[in-house]
Amino acid sequence: MEYFWPPQLTFATLVIIYLISCALVGLYGRDRLLGFWGFFILSYIVSPFFTLLFLVITSTRRTSN
């Protein structure tokens, strides 16, 4: 089986996709208690899928006026 791309480029592409997924989860959670960076780091450590699932299940942070 022949590779069209070098394996390093494929790995780099997967890492970039993973980091973009973490950033998207962070953007989704930016209005929550942990904010963008908290959810970005949490999704980087755990997994973007499970962190996004947690965000969808839990409610948003309520602000008092």
Protein backbone atom coordinates (compact mmCIF):
# COMPACT_ATOMS: atom_id res chain seq x y z
CA MET A 1 0.00 0.00 0.00
CA GLU A 2 1.42 3.34 -1.04
CA TYR A 3 1.17 6.53 0.98
CA PHE A 4 0.38 9.71 -0.88
CA TRP A 5 1.60 11.91 1.99
CA PRO A 6 4.54 11.34 4.28
CA PRO A 7 3.42 9.87 7.64
CA GLN A 8 4.69 12.97 9.49
CA LEU A 9 2.40 15.19 7.46
CA THR A 10 -0.55 12.93 8.20
CA PHE A 11 0.21 13.01 11.93
CA ALA A 12 0.58 16.80 11.83
CA THR A 13 -2.77 17.08 10.08
CA LEU A 14 -4.44 14.97 12.77
CA VAL A 15 -2.90 17.10 15.51
CA ILE A 16 -4.15 20.27 13.83
CA ILE A 17 -7.66 18.81 13.49
CA TYR A 18 -7.60 17.80 17.18
CA LEU A 19 -6.51 21.30 18.27
CA ILE A 20 -9.18 22.93 16.09
CA SER A 21 -11.77 20.63 17.67
CA CYS A 22 -10.55 21.67 21.12
CA ALA A 23 -10.80 25.33 20.12
CA LEU A 24 -14.35 24.86 18.83
CA VAL A 25 -15.36 23.24 22.13
CA GLY A 26 -13.72 26.14 23.95
CA LEU A 27 -15.73 28.60 21.86
CA TYR A 28 -18.91 26.71 22.66
CA GLY A 29 -18.12 26.89 26.38
CA ARG A 30 -16.92 30.49 26.49
CA ASP A 31 -20.04 31.68 28.33
CA ARG A 32 -19.70 29.03 31.01
CA LEU A 33 -17.96 29.14 34.37
CA LEU A 34 -14.62 27.84 33.08
CA GLY A 35 -14.67 30.01 29.97
CA PHE A 36 -12.86 29.43 26.71
CA TRP A 37 -9.44 28.47 28.12
CA GLY A 38 -10.87 26.17 30.78
CA PHE A 39 -12.87 24.15 28.31
CA PHE A 40 -10.07 24.24 25.74
CA ILE A 41 -7.65 22.70 28.24
CA LEU A 42 -10.27 20.25 29.51
CA SER A 43 -11.05 19.08 25.98
CA TYR A 44 -7.32 18.80 25.23
CA ILE A 45 -6.79 16.58 28.29
CA VAL A 46 -9.99 14.52 28.18
CA SER A 47 -11.33 14.60 24.63
CA PRO A 48 -13.22 17.18 22.59
CA PHE A 49 -16.10 14.73 22.13
CA PHE A 50 -16.67 14.08 25.85
CA THR A 51 -16.21 17.73 26.77
CA LEU A 52 -18.71 18.80 24.13
CA LEU A 53 -21.11 16.14 25.38
CA PHE A 54 -20.73 17.56 28.90
CA LEU A 55 -21.40 21.08 27.60
CA VAL A 56 -24.52 20.01 25.73
CA ILE A 57 -25.94 18.15 28.73
CA THR A 58 -25.28 20.87 31.32
CA SER A 59 -27.00 24.23 31.39
CA THR A 60 -25.45 27.61 30.70
CA ARG A 61 -24.19 29.92 33.42
CA ARG A 62 -26.87 32.26 34.65
CA THR A 63 -25.87 35.87 35.17
CA SER A 64 -27.55 38.06 37.77
CA ASN A 65 -28.64 41.55 36.79
